[in-house]
Amino acid sequence: GIVTKVSRMLLQRDHERLEVVQREFPFGLTMCPYHPELLPHYQYFAETVKSTDGLKVLKIANHHLPNEGYFLTELLPAIALKENLQTLELSHCGLAKSDMMAIISYLAENETLHAINLASNCFD
């Protein structure tokens, strides 16, 4: 089903880049909606971010992240460990105002980031 297809396309990586980016989805969807069955895949992704040395590019686009505190408790702490991160894209992924406040704190401490894309999230 759709969960299997999403899990297969969830992670693209090399030694400096991790991407969760998909432009075409089944059933005419324009973004991958979050479903609780996907949580283990997103947890695996956060662990992969933590364990990837030399990460320079991290992109998540068109994939709605889990809304059970995943970004603040799992993904952002993993991102904060990356000392060489230069590009961060978190677009069209369902981030909220509380996530933005945490991103601002992260940016205040970060010295390596050159590009950031937070397009189409709800920061009202």
C-alpha atoms as a PDB file:
ATOM      1  CA  GLY A   1       0.000   0.000   0.000  1.00  0.00           C
ATOM      2  CA  ILE A   2       0.866   3.663   0.276  1.00  0.00           C
ATOM      3  CA  VAL A   3       2.861   3.179   3.507  1.00  0.00           C
ATOM      4  CA  THR A   4       5.211   0.736   1.749  1.00  0.00           C
ATOM      5  CA  LYS A   5       5.668   3.096  -1.208  1.00  0.00           C
ATOM      6  CA  VAL A   6       6.381   6.027   1.096  1.00  0.00           C
ATOM      7  CA  SER A   7       8.872   4.054   3.192  1.00  0.00           C
ATOM      8  CA  ARG A   8      10.779   3.066   0.038  1.00  0.00           C
ATOM      9  CA  MET A   9      11.079   6.674  -1.114  1.00  0.00           C
ATOM     10  CA  LEU A  10      11.536   8.140   2.353  1.00  0.00           C
ATOM     11  CA  LEU A  11      15.300   8.261   2.533  1.00  0.00           C
ATOM     12  CA  GLN A  12      17.853   9.228  -0.077  1.00  0.00           C
ATOM     13  CA  ARG A  13      21.360   9.674   1.199  1.00  0.00           C
ATOM     14  CA  ASP A  14      25.038   9.879   0.525  1.00  0.00           C
ATOM     15  CA  HIS A  15      27.879  10.833   2.861  1.00  0.00           C
ATOM     16  CA  GLU A  16      27.018  14.565   2.891  1.00  0.00           C
ATOM     17  CA  ARG A  17      23.314  14.698   2.047  1.00  0.00           C
ATOM     18  CA  LEU A  18      20.042  13.343   3.460  1.00  0.00           C
ATOM     19  CA  GLU A  19      16.840  14.040   1.571  1.00  0.00           C
ATOM     20  CA  VAL A  20      13.186  13.256   2.072  1.00  0.00           C
ATOM     21  CA  VAL A  21      11.885  14.939  -1.051  1.00  0.00           C
ATOM     22  CA  GLN A  22       9.120  13.724  -3.312  1.00  0.00           C
ATOM     23  CA  ARG A  23       7.344  15.670  -6.008  1.00  0.00           C
ATOM     24  CA  GLU A  24       4.892  13.041  -7.249  1.00  0.00           C
ATOM     25  CA  PHE A  25       2.675  10.908  -5.053  1.00  0.00           C
ATOM     26  CA  PRO A  26       0.073   8.266  -5.789  1.00  0.00           C
ATOM     27  CA  PHE A  27      -3.610   9.219  -5.935  1.00  0.00           C
ATOM     28  CA  GLY A  28      -2.891  12.801  -7.064  1.00  0.00           C
ATOM     29  CA  LEU A  29      -1.571  13.937  -3.662  1.00  0.00           C
ATOM     30  CA  THR A  30       0.800  16.915  -3.619  1.00  0.00           C
ATOM     31  CA  MET A  31       2.325  16.064  -0.260  1.00  0.00           C
ATOM     32  CA  CYS A  32       2.731  12.938   1.806  1.00  0.00           C
ATOM     33  CA  PRO A  33       0.318  13.201   4.738  1.00  0.00           C
ATOM     34  CA  TYR A  34       1.478  11.890   8.080  1.00  0.00           C
ATOM     35  CA  HIS A  35       0.056   8.599   9.261  1.00  0.00           C
ATOM     36  CA  PRO A  36       0.913   6.994  12.641  1.00  0.00           C
ATOM     37  CA  GLU A  37       2.241   3.893  10.849  1.00  0.00           C
ATOM     38  CA  LEU A  38       5.020   6.090   9.423  1.00  0.00           C
ATOM     39  CA  LEU A  39       6.380   7.126  12.842  1.00  0.00           C
ATOM     40  CA  PRO A  40       9.032   4.349  12.958  1.00  0.00           C
ATOM     41  CA  HIS A  41      10.335   5.543   9.582  1.00  0.00           C
ATOM     42  CA  TYR A  42      10.609   9.126  10.819  1.00  0.00           C
ATOM     43  CA  GLN A  43      12.313   7.951  14.027  1.00  0.00           C
ATOM     44  CA  TYR A  44      14.771   6.002  11.868  1.00  0.00           C
ATOM     45  CA  PHE A  45      15.347   9.155   9.840  1.00  0.00           C
ATOM     46  CA  ALA A  46      16.152  11.203  12.983  1.00  0.00           C
ATOM     47  CA  GLU A  47      18.590   8.497  14.105  1.00  0.00           C
ATOM     48  CA  THR A  48      20.166   8.550  10.653  1.00  0.00           C
ATOM     49  CA  VAL A  49      20.612  12.325  10.889  1.00  0.00           C
ATOM     50  CA  LYS A  50      22.340  11.846  14.252  1.00  0.00           C
ATOM     51  CA  SER A  51      24.663   9.136  12.979  1.00  0.00           C
ATOM     52  CA  THR A  52      25.644  10.672   9.629  1.00  0.00           C
ATOM     53  CA  ASP A  53      29.054  12.296  10.020  1.00  0.00           C
ATOM     54  CA  GLY A  54      29.919  15.200   7.739  1.00  0.00           C
ATOM     55  CA  LEU A  55      26.292  16.007   6.896  1.00  0.00           C
ATOM     56  CA  LYS A  56      26.142  19.247   4.878  1.00  0.00           C
ATOM     57  CA  VAL A  57      22.656  19.139   3.329  1.00  0.00           C
ATOM     58  CA  LEU A  58      19.389  18.120   4.965  1.00  0.00           C
ATOM     59  CA  LYS A  59      16.150  18.441   3.005  1.00  0.00           C
ATOM     60  CA  ILE A  60      12.615  17.498   3.960  1.00  0.00           C
ATOM     61  CA  ALA A  61      10.028  18.679   1.444  1.00  0.00           C
ATOM     62  CA  ASN A  62       6.418  17.707   0.850  1.00  0.00           C
ATOM     63  CA  HIS A  63       6.327  15.231   3.744  1.00  0.00           C
ATOM     64  CA  HIS A  64       4.144  16.181   6.690  1.00  0.00           C
ATOM     65  CA  LEU A  65       6.156  15.460   9.848  1.00  0.00           C
ATOM     66  CA  PRO A  66       4.586  13.690  12.831  1.00  0.00           C
ATOM     67  CA  ASN A  67       2.782  16.129  15.107  1.00  0.00           C
ATOM     68  CA  GLU A  68       3.410  14.323  18.389  1.00  0.00           C
ATOM     69  CA  GLY A  69       6.377  16.552  19.279  1.00  0.00           C
ATOM     70  CA  TYR A  70       8.636  14.714  16.823  1.00  0.00           C
ATOM     71  CA  PHE A  71      10.346  17.834  15.486  1.00  0.00           C
ATOM     72  CA  LEU A  72      11.183  19.318  18.895  1.00  0.00           C
ATOM     73  CA  THR A  73      12.154  16.086  20.654  1.00  0.00           C
ATOM     74  CA  GLU A  74      13.777  14.005  17.911  1.00  0.00           C
ATOM     75  CA  LEU A  75      14.608  15.833  14.692  1.00  0.00           C
ATOM     76  CA  LEU A  76      15.808  19.255  15.879  1.00  0.00           C
ATOM     77  CA  PRO A  77      18.163  17.783  18.522  1.00  0.00           C
ATOM     78  CA  ALA A  78      19.626  15.556  15.785  1.00  0.00           C
ATOM     79  CA  ILE A  79      20.027  18.561  13.454  1.00  0.00           C
ATOM     80  CA  ALA A  80      21.672  20.603  16.232  1.00  0.00           C
ATOM     81  CA  LEU A  81      24.440  17.986  16.490  1.00  0.00           C
ATOM     82  CA  LYS A  82      25.507  18.558  12.877  1.00  0.00           C
ATOM     83  CA  GLU A  83      28.548  20.833  12.976  1.00  0.00           C
ATOM     84  CA  ASN A  84      28.992  21.040   9.183  1.00  0.00           C
ATOM     85  CA  LEU A  85      25.388  21.579   8.077  1.00  0.00           C
ATOM     86  CA  GLN A  86      25.256  24.219   5.344  1.00  0.00           C
ATOM     87  CA  THR A  87      21.792  23.763   3.816  1.00  0.00           C
ATOM     88  CA  LEU A  88      18.578  23.057   5.705  1.00  0.00           C
ATOM     89  CA  GLU A  89      15.240  22.710   3.932  1.00  0.00           C
ATOM     90  CA  LEU A  90      12.110  22.015   5.938  1.00  0.00           C
ATOM     91  CA  SER A  91       9.468  23.052   3.416  1.00  0.00           C
ATOM     92  CA  HIS A  92       5.859  21.943   3.135  1.00  0.00           C
ATOM     93  CA  CYS A  93       6.262  19.662   6.161  1.00  0.00           C
ATOM     94  CA  GLY A  94       3.711  20.938   8.682  1.00  0.00           C
ATOM     95  CA  LEU A  95       5.943  22.825  11.096  1.00  0.00           C
ATOM     96  CA  ALA A  96       4.117  24.964  13.663  1.00  0.00           C
ATOM     97  CA  LYS A  97       4.827  28.187  15.565  1.00  0.00           C
ATOM     98  CA  SER A  98       6.486  26.328  18.457  1.00  0.00           C
ATOM     99  CA  ASP A  99       8.794  24.634  15.949  1.00  0.00           C
ATOM    100  CA  MET A 100       9.707  28.034  14.485  1.00  0.00           C
ATOM    101  CA  MET A 101      10.654  29.376  17.904  1.00  0.00           C
ATOM    102  CA  ALA A 102      12.994  26.410  18.383  1.00  0.00           C
ATOM    103  CA  ILE A 103      14.458  26.934  14.896  1.00  0.00           C
ATOM    104  CA  ILE A 104      15.169  30.587  15.753  1.00  0.00           C
ATOM    105  CA  SER A 105      17.075  29.487  18.867  1.00  0.00           C
ATOM    106  CA  TYR A 106      18.984  26.929  16.789  1.00  0.00           C
ATOM    107  CA  LEU A 107      19.884  29.574  14.176  1.00  0.00           C
ATOM    108  CA  ALA A 108      21.158  31.952  16.871  1.00  0.00           C
ATOM    109  CA  GLU A 109      23.760  29.330  17.847  1.00  0.00           C
ATOM    110  CA  ASN A 110      24.576  27.956  14.381  1.00  0.00           C
ATOM    111  CA  GLU A 111      27.641  29.241  12.543  1.00  0.00           C
ATOM    112  CA  THR A 112      27.747  26.985   9.467  1.00  0.00           C
ATOM    113  CA  LEU A 113      24.314  27.273   7.845  1.00  0.00           C
ATOM    114  CA  HIS A 114      24.326  29.205   4.537  1.00  0.00           C
ATOM    115  CA  ALA A 115      20.826  28.422   3.254  1.00  0.00           C
ATOM    116  CA  ILE A 116      17.509  27.683   4.907  1.00  0.00           C
ATOM    117  CA  ASN A 117      14.087  27.066   3.349  1.00  0.00           C
ATOM    118  CA  LEU A 118      11.026  26.949   5.606  1.00  0.00           C
ATOM    119  CA  ALA A 119       8.444  27.609   2.876  1.00  0.00           C
ATOM    120  CA  SER A 120       4.785  26.717   3.271  1.00  0.00           C
ATOM    121  CA  ASN A 121       4.638  25.889   6.960  1.00  0.00           C
ATOM    122  CA  CYS A 122       2.031  27.345   9.328  1.00  0.00           C
ATOM    123  CA  PHE A 123       3.832  29.753  11.649  1.00  0.00           C
ATOM    124  CA  ASP A 124       0.775  31.849  12.609  1.00  0.00           C
END
